PDB file of all heavy atoms in Angstrom:
ATOM      1  N   PRO A   1       0.801  -1.232   0.000  1.00  0.00           N
ATOM      2  CA  PRO A   1       0.000   0.000   0.000  1.00  0.00           C
ATOM      3  C   PRO A   1       0.832   1.281   0.000  1.00  0.00           C
ATOM      4  O   PRO A   1       0.368   2.316  -0.478  1.00  0.00           O
ATOM      5  CB  PRO A   1      -0.823  -0.116   1.288  1.00  0.00           C
ATOM      6  CG  PRO A   1      -0.932  -1.589   1.536  1.00  0.00           C
ATOM      7  CD  PRO A   1       0.387  -2.149   1.090  1.00  0.00           C
ATOM      8  N   ASP A   2       2.068   1.214   0.529  1.00  0.00           N
ATOM      9  CA  ASP A   2       2.930   2.399   0.558  1.00  0.00           C
ATOM     10  C   ASP A   2       3.621   2.640  -0.776  1.00  0.00           C
ATOM     11  O   ASP A   2       4.218   3.707  -0.971  1.00  0.00           O
ATOM     12  CB  ASP A   2       3.991   2.256   1.648  1.00  0.00           C
ATOM     13  CG  ASP A   2       3.389   2.171   3.031  1.00  0.00           C
ATOM     14  OD1 ASP A   2       2.314   2.768   3.233  1.00  0.00           O
ATOM     15  OD2 ASP A   2       3.969   1.483   3.897  1.00  0.00           O
ATOM     16  N   MET A   3       3.582   1.676  -1.682  1.00  0.00           N
ATOM     17  CA  MET A   3       4.330   1.787  -2.935  1.00  0.00           C
ATOM     18  C   MET A   3       3.434   1.949  -4.157  1.00  0.00           C
ATOM     19  O   MET A   3       3.935   2.027  -5.274  1.00  0.00           O
ATOM     20  CB  MET A   3       5.234   0.555  -3.111  1.00  0.00           C
ATOM     21  CG  MET A   3       6.272   0.393  -2.018  1.00  0.00           C
ATOM     22  SD  MET A   3       7.532  -0.851  -2.373  1.00  0.00           S
ATOM     23  CE  MET A   3       6.577  -2.364  -2.263  1.00  0.00           C
ATOM     24  N   VAL A   4       2.129   1.978  -3.963  1.00  0.00           N
ATOM     25  CA  VAL A   4       1.211   2.077  -5.095  1.00  0.00           C
ATOM     26  C   VAL A   4       0.158   3.147  -4.844  1.00  0.00           C
ATOM     27  O   VAL A   4      -0.090   3.555  -3.704  1.00  0.00           O
ATOM     28  CB  VAL A   4       0.508   0.719  -5.363  1.00  0.00           C
ATOM     29  CG1 VAL A   4       1.521  -0.353  -5.738  1.00  0.00           C
ATOM     30  CG2 VAL A   4      -0.316   0.272  -4.153  1.00  0.00           C
ATOM     31  N   ASN A   5      -0.467   3.584  -5.928  1.00  0.00           N
ATOM     32  CA  ASN A   5      -1.624   4.469  -5.883  1.00  0.00           C
ATOM     33  C   ASN A   5      -2.842   3.719  -6.406  1.00  0.00           C
ATOM     34  O   ASN A   5      -2.723   2.904  -7.332  1.00  0.00           O
ATOM     35  CB  ASN A   5      -1.403   5.713  -6.751  1.00  0.00           C
ATOM     36  CG  ASN A   5      -0.462   6.711  -6.107  1.00  0.00           C
ATOM     37  OD1 ASN A   5      -0.454   6.873  -4.892  1.00  0.00           O
ATOM     38  ND2 ASN A   5       0.335   7.384  -6.924  1.00  0.00           N
ATOM     39  N   LEU A   6      -3.982   3.995  -5.810  1.00  0.00           N
ATOM     40  CA  LEU A   6      -5.226   3.394  -6.290  1.00  0.00           C
ATOM     41  C   LEU A   6      -5.701   4.114  -7.539  1.00  0.00           C
ATOM     42  O   LEU A   6      -5.779   5.336  -7.579  1.00  0.00           O
ATOM     43  CB  LEU A   6      -6.304   3.485  -5.212  1.00  0.00           C
ATOM     44  CG  LEU A   6      -6.410   2.328  -4.217  1.00  0.00           C
ATOM     45  CD1 LEU A   6      -7.400   2.678  -3.117  1.00  0.00           C
ATOM     46  CD2 LEU A   6      -6.821   1.032  -4.915  1.00  0.00           C
ATOM     47  N   VAL A   7      -6.015   3.334  -8.576  1.00  0.00           N
ATOM     48  CA  VAL A   7      -6.588   3.881  -9.802  1.00  0.00           C
ATOM     49  C   VAL A   7      -8.107   3.724  -9.785  1.00  0.00           C
ATOM     50  O   VAL A   7      -8.843   4.632 -10.148  1.00  0.00           O
ATOM     51  CB  VAL A   7      -5.989   3.186 -11.039  1.00  0.00           C
ATOM     52  CG1 VAL A   7      -6.609   3.741 -12.315  1.00  0.00           C
ATOM     53  CG2 VAL A   7      -4.477   3.350 -11.080  1.00  0.00           C
ATOM     54  N   GLN A   8      -8.546   2.540  -9.360  1.00  0.00           N
ATOM     55  CA  GLN A   8      -9.980   2.267  -9.231  1.00  0.00           C
ATOM     56  C   GLN A   8     -10.206   1.423  -7.984  1.00  0.00           C
ATOM     57  O   GLN A   8      -9.318   0.687  -7.554  1.00  0.00           O
ATOM     58  CB  GLN A   8     -10.510   1.495 -10.450  1.00  0.00           C
ATOM     59  CG  GLN A   8     -10.383   2.188 -11.787  1.00  0.00           C
ATOM     60  CD  GLN A   8     -10.931   1.332 -12.908  1.00  0.00           C
ATOM     61  OE1 GLN A   8     -12.097   0.939 -12.904  1.00  0.00           O
ATOM     62  NE2 GLN A   8     -10.072   1.035 -13.877  1.00  0.00           N
ATOM     63  N   GLY A   9     -11.410   1.478  -7.446  1.00  0.00           N
ATOM     64  CA  GLY A   9     -11.775   0.619  -6.337  1.00  0.00           C
ATOM     65  C   GLY A   9     -11.135   1.004  -5.029  1.00  0.00           C
ATOM     66  O   GLY A   9     -10.841   2.180  -4.767  1.00  0.00           O
ATOM     67  N   VAL A  10     -10.866  -0.008  -4.200  1.00  0.00           N
ATOM     68  CA  VAL A  10     -10.297   0.192  -2.866  1.00  0.00           C
ATOM     69  C   VAL A  10      -9.122  -0.757  -2.675  1.00  0.00           C
ATOM     70  O   VAL A  10      -8.915  -1.692  -3.450  1.00  0.00           O
ATOM     71  CB  VAL A  10     -11.360  -0.056  -1.763  1.00  0.00           C
ATOM     72  CG1 VAL A  10     -12.492   0.941  -1.872  1.00  0.00           C
ATOM     73  CG2 VAL A  10     -11.892  -1.487  -1.841  1.00  0.00           C
ATOM     74  N   MET A  11      -8.348  -0.502  -1.600  1.00  0.00           N
ATOM     75  CA  MET A  11      -7.246  -1.403  -1.259  1.00  0.00           C
ATOM     76  C   MET A  11      -7.813  -2.635  -0.566  1.00  0.00           C
ATOM     77  O   MET A  11      -8.887  -2.594   0.026  1.00  0.00           O
ATOM     78  CB  MET A  11      -6.250  -0.679  -0.353  1.00  0.00           C
ATOM     79  CG  MET A  11      -4.971  -1.469  -0.056  1.00  0.00           C
ATOM     80  SD  MET A  11      -4.078  -2.028  -1.530  1.00  0.00           S
ATOM     81  CE  MET A  11      -3.524  -0.452  -2.189  1.00  0.00           C
ATOM     82  N   TYR A  12      -7.098  -3.751  -0.684  1.00  0.00           N
ATOM     83  CA  TYR A  12      -7.571  -5.002  -0.090  1.00  0.00           C
ATOM     84  C   TYR A  12      -7.682  -4.894   1.433  1.00  0.00           C
ATOM     85  O   TYR A  12      -7.033  -4.073   2.076  1.00  0.00           O
ATOM     86  CB  TYR A  12      -6.676  -6.174  -0.453  1.00  0.00           C
ATOM     87  CG  TYR A  12      -5.185  -5.924  -0.301  1.00  0.00           C
ATOM     88  CD1 TYR A  12      -4.634  -5.435   0.875  1.00  0.00           C
ATOM     89  CD2 TYR A  12      -4.304  -6.202  -1.351  1.00  0.00           C
ATOM     90  CE1 TYR A  12      -3.282  -5.214   1.013  1.00  0.00           C
ATOM     91  CE2 TYR A  12      -2.939  -5.982  -1.223  1.00  0.00           C
ATOM     92  CZ  TYR A  12      -2.447  -5.496  -0.051  1.00  0.00           C
ATOM     93  OH  TYR A  12      -1.103  -5.282   0.083  1.00  0.00           O
ATOM     94  N   SER A  13      -8.511  -5.758   1.999  1.00  0.00           N
ATOM     95  CA  SER A  13      -8.670  -5.869   3.449  1.00  0.00           C
ATOM     96  C   SER A  13      -8.088  -7.197   3.902  1.00  0.00           C
ATOM     97  O   SER A  13      -8.079  -8.172   3.139  1.00  0.00           O
ATOM     98  CB  SER A  13     -10.149  -5.798   3.847  1.00  0.00           C
ATOM     99  OG  SER A  13     -10.707  -4.565   3.449  1.00  0.00           O
ATOM    100  N   PRO A  14      -7.617  -7.276   5.146  1.00  0.00           N
ATOM    101  CA  PRO A  14      -7.075  -8.553   5.631  1.00  0.00           C
ATOM    102  C   PRO A  14      -8.185  -9.582   5.833  1.00  0.00           C
ATOM    103  O   PRO A  14      -9.360  -9.246   6.000  1.00  0.00           O
ATOM    104  CB  PRO A  14      -6.422  -8.174   6.958  1.00  0.00           C
ATOM    105  CG  PRO A  14      -7.110  -6.925   7.389  1.00  0.00           C
ATOM    106  CD  PRO A  14      -7.481  -6.197   6.144  1.00  0.00           C
ATOM    107  N   GLY A  15      -7.787 -10.862   5.827  1.00  0.00           N
ATOM    108  CA  GLY A  15      -8.733 -11.936   6.070  1.00  0.00           C
ATOM    109  C   GLY A  15      -9.641 -12.199   4.882  1.00  0.00           C
ATOM    110  O   GLY A  15      -9.346 -11.824   3.746  1.00  0.00           O
ATOM    111  N   THR A  16     -10.761 -12.850   5.138  1.00  0.00           N
ATOM    112  CA  THR A  16     -11.735 -13.169   4.099  1.00  0.00           C
ATOM    113  C   THR A  16     -13.056 -12.469   4.396  1.00  0.00           C
ATOM    114  O   THR A  16     -13.318 -12.039   5.522  1.00  0.00           O
ATOM    115  CB  THR A  16     -11.980 -14.688   4.010  1.00  0.00           C
ATOM    116  OG1 THR A  16     -12.462 -15.157   5.284  1.00  0.00           O
ATOM    117  CG2 THR A  16     -10.696 -15.429   3.656  1.00  0.00           C
ATOM    118  N   THR A  17     -13.865 -12.377   3.380  1.00  0.00           N
ATOM    119  CA  THR A  17     -15.194 -11.777   3.511  1.00  0.00           C
ATOM    120  C   THR A  17     -16.231 -12.774   3.000  1.00  0.00           C
ATOM    121  O   THR A  17     -16.042 -13.370   1.924  1.00  0.00           O
ATOM    122  CB  THR A  17     -15.292 -10.478   2.693  1.00  0.00           C
ATOM    123  OG1 THR A  17     -14.253  -9.593   3.093  1.00  0.00           O
ATOM    124  CG2 THR A  17     -16.638  -9.807   2.905  1.00  0.00           C
ATOM    125  N   TYR A  18     -17.304 -12.963   3.757  1.00  0.00           N
ATOM    126  CA  TYR A  18     -18.370 -13.854   3.301  1.00  0.00           C
ATOM    127  C   TYR A  18     -19.285 -13.075   2.358  1.00  0.00           C
ATOM    128  O   TYR A  18     -19.761 -11.984   2.691  1.00  0.00           O
ATOM    129  CB  TYR A  18     -19.186 -14.392   4.479  1.00  0.00           C
ATOM    130  CG  TYR A  18     -20.271 -15.363   4.065  1.00  0.00           C
ATOM    131  CD1 TYR A  18     -19.953 -16.679   3.741  1.00  0.00           C
ATOM    132  CD2 TYR A  18     -21.594 -14.951   3.990  1.00  0.00           C
ATOM    133  CE1 TYR A  18     -20.947 -17.569   3.343  1.00  0.00           C
ATOM    134  CE2 TYR A  18     -22.590 -15.828   3.598  1.00  0.00           C
ATOM    135  CZ  TYR A  18     -22.263 -17.145   3.274  1.00  0.00           C
ATOM    136  OH  TYR A  18     -23.244 -18.011   2.879  1.00  0.00           O
ATOM    137  N   VAL A  19     -19.494 -13.630   1.172  1.00  0.00           N
ATOM    138  CA  VAL A  19     -20.249 -12.940   0.124  1.00  0.00           C
ATOM    139  C   VAL A  19     -21.434 -13.794  -0.310  1.00  0.00           C
ATOM    140  O   VAL A  19     -21.300 -15.002  -0.530  1.00  0.00           O
ATOM    141  CB  VAL A  19     -19.348 -12.627  -1.093  1.00  0.00           C
ATOM    142  CG1 VAL A  19     -20.162 -12.010  -2.219  1.00  0.00           C
ATOM    143  CG2 VAL A  19     -18.204 -11.705  -0.690  1.00  0.00           C
ATOM    144  N   GLU A  20     -22.585 -13.174  -0.413  1.00  0.00           N
ATOM    145  CA  GLU A  20     -23.764 -13.792  -1.011  1.00  0.00           C
ATOM    146  C   GLU A  20     -24.235 -12.876  -2.130  1.00  0.00           C
ATOM    147  O   GLU A  20     -24.707 -11.782  -1.893  1.00  0.00           O
ATOM    148  CB  GLU A  20     -24.883 -13.963   0.021  1.00  0.00           C
ATOM    149  CG  GLU A  20     -24.621 -15.030   1.057  1.00  0.00           C
ATOM    150  CD  GLU A  20     -25.853 -15.286   1.927  1.00  0.00           C
ATOM    151  OE1 GLU A  20     -26.969 -14.978   1.450  1.00  0.00           O
ATOM    152  OE2 GLU A  20     -25.677 -15.767   3.057  1.00  0.00           O
ATOM    153  N   THR A  21     -24.057 -13.339  -3.370  1.00  0.00           N
ATOM    154  CA  THR A  21     -24.470 -12.535  -4.511  1.00  0.00           C
ATOM    155  C   THR A  21     -24.899 -13.461  -5.634  1.00  0.00           C
ATOM    156  O   THR A  21     -24.106 -14.270  -6.119  1.00  0.00           O
ATOM    157  CB  THR A  21     -23.341 -11.608  -4.990  1.00  0.00           C
ATOM    158  OG1 THR A  21     -23.728 -10.967  -6.193  1.00  0.00           O
ATOM    159  CG2 THR A  21     -22.038 -12.348  -5.194  1.00  0.00           C
ATOM    160  N   GLY A  22     -26.129 -13.353  -6.050  1.00  0.00           N
ATOM    161  CA  GLY A  22     -26.631 -14.206  -7.111  1.00  0.00           C
ATOM    162  C   GLY A  22     -26.532 -15.672  -6.743  1.00  0.00           C
ATOM    163  O   GLY A  22     -27.077 -16.125  -5.735  1.00  0.00           O
ATOM    164  N   ASP A  23     -25.780 -16.404  -7.567  1.00  0.00           N
ATOM    165  CA  ASP A  23     -25.626 -17.844  -7.326  1.00  0.00           C
ATOM    166  C   ASP A  23     -24.390 -18.171  -6.507  1.00  0.00           C
ATOM    167  O   ASP A  23     -24.022 -19.346  -6.382  1.00  0.00           O
ATOM    168  CB  ASP A  23     -25.573 -18.593  -8.659  1.00  0.00           C
ATOM    169  CG  ASP A  23     -24.427 -18.113  -9.532  1.00  0.00           C
ATOM    170  OD1 ASP A  23     -23.850 -17.057  -9.206  1.00  0.00           O
ATOM    171  OD2 ASP A  23     -24.106 -18.777 -10.530  1.00  0.00           O
ATOM    172  N   PHE A  24     -23.714 -17.155  -5.965  1.00  0.00           N
ATOM    173  CA  PHE A  24     -22.481 -17.431  -5.216  1.00  0.00           C
ATOM    174  C   PHE A  24     -22.688 -17.180  -3.732  1.00  0.00           C
ATOM    175  O   PHE A  24     -23.239 -16.157  -3.322  1.00  0.00           O
ATOM    176  CB  PHE A  24     -21.340 -16.545  -5.721  1.00  0.00           C
ATOM    177  CG  PHE A  24     -20.056 -16.762  -4.965  1.00  0.00           C
ATOM    178  CD1 PHE A  24     -19.204 -17.801  -5.300  1.00  0.00           C
ATOM    179  CD2 PHE A  24     -19.715 -15.942  -3.893  1.00  0.00           C
ATOM    180  CE1 PHE A  24     -18.031 -18.011  -4.599  1.00  0.00           C
ATOM    181  CE2 PHE A  24     -18.548 -16.142  -3.189  1.00  0.00           C
ATOM    182  CZ  PHE A  24     -17.706 -17.188  -3.545  1.00  0.00           C
ATOM    183  N   LYS A  25     -22.199 -18.111  -2.926  1.00  0.00           N
ATOM    184  CA  LYS A  25     -22.156 -17.975  -1.475  1.00  0.00           C
ATOM    185  C   LYS A  25     -20.841 -18.561  -0.987  1.00  0.00           C
ATOM    186  O   LYS A  25     -20.527 -19.716  -1.295  1.00  0.00           O
ATOM    187  CB  LYS A  25     -23.319 -18.715  -0.813  1.00  0.00           C
ATOM    188  CG  LYS A  25     -24.696 -18.151  -1.107  1.00  0.00           C
ATOM    189  CD  LYS A  25     -25.771 -18.942  -0.394  1.00  0.00           C
ATOM    190  CE  LYS A  25     -27.161 -18.391  -0.711  1.00  0.00           C
ATOM    191  NZ  LYS A  25     -28.225 -19.172  -0.006  1.00  0.00           N
ATOM    192  N   GLY A  26     -20.098 -17.790  -0.244  1.00  0.00           N
ATOM    193  CA  GLY A  26     -18.855 -18.316   0.285  1.00  0.00           C
ATOM    194  C   GLY A  26     -17.876 -17.224   0.680  1.00  0.00           C
ATOM    195  O   GLY A  26     -18.158 -16.028   0.547  1.00  0.00           O
ATOM    196  N   ASP A  27     -16.710 -17.637   1.170  1.00  0.00           N
ATOM    197  CA  ASP A  27     -15.658 -16.716   1.593  1.00  0.00           C
ATOM    198  C   ASP A  27     -14.780 -16.341   0.404  1.00  0.00           C
ATOM    199  O   ASP A  27     -14.423 -17.203  -0.412  1.00  0.00           O
ATOM    200  CB  ASP A  27     -14.790 -17.350   2.679  1.00  0.00           C
ATOM    201  CG  ASP A  27     -15.548 -17.552   3.985  1.00  0.00           C
ATOM    202  OD1 ASP A  27     -16.407 -16.699   4.281  1.00  0.00           O
ATOM    203  OD2 ASP A  27     -15.283 -18.549   4.676  1.00  0.00           O
ATOM    204  N   VAL A  28     -14.411 -15.091   0.328  1.00  0.00           N
ATOM    205  CA  VAL A  28     -13.520 -14.625  -0.744  1.00  0.00           C
ATOM    206  C   VAL A  28     -12.388 -13.807  -0.133  1.00  0.00           C
ATOM    207  O   VAL A  28     -12.535 -13.195   0.922  1.00  0.00           O
ATOM    208  CB  VAL A  28     -14.278 -13.771  -1.787  1.00  0.00           C
ATOM    209  CG1 VAL A  28     -15.352 -14.587  -2.485  1.00  0.00           C
ATOM    210  CG2 VAL A  28     -14.859 -12.520  -1.154  1.00  0.00           C
TER     211      VAL A  28
END
């Protein structure tokens, strides 16, 4: 994060995130 600039979106977060979207359910 100290060596790059964001062009689009956000910087990553630690760990995993549980996602439910459409036909997908699980950790990403």
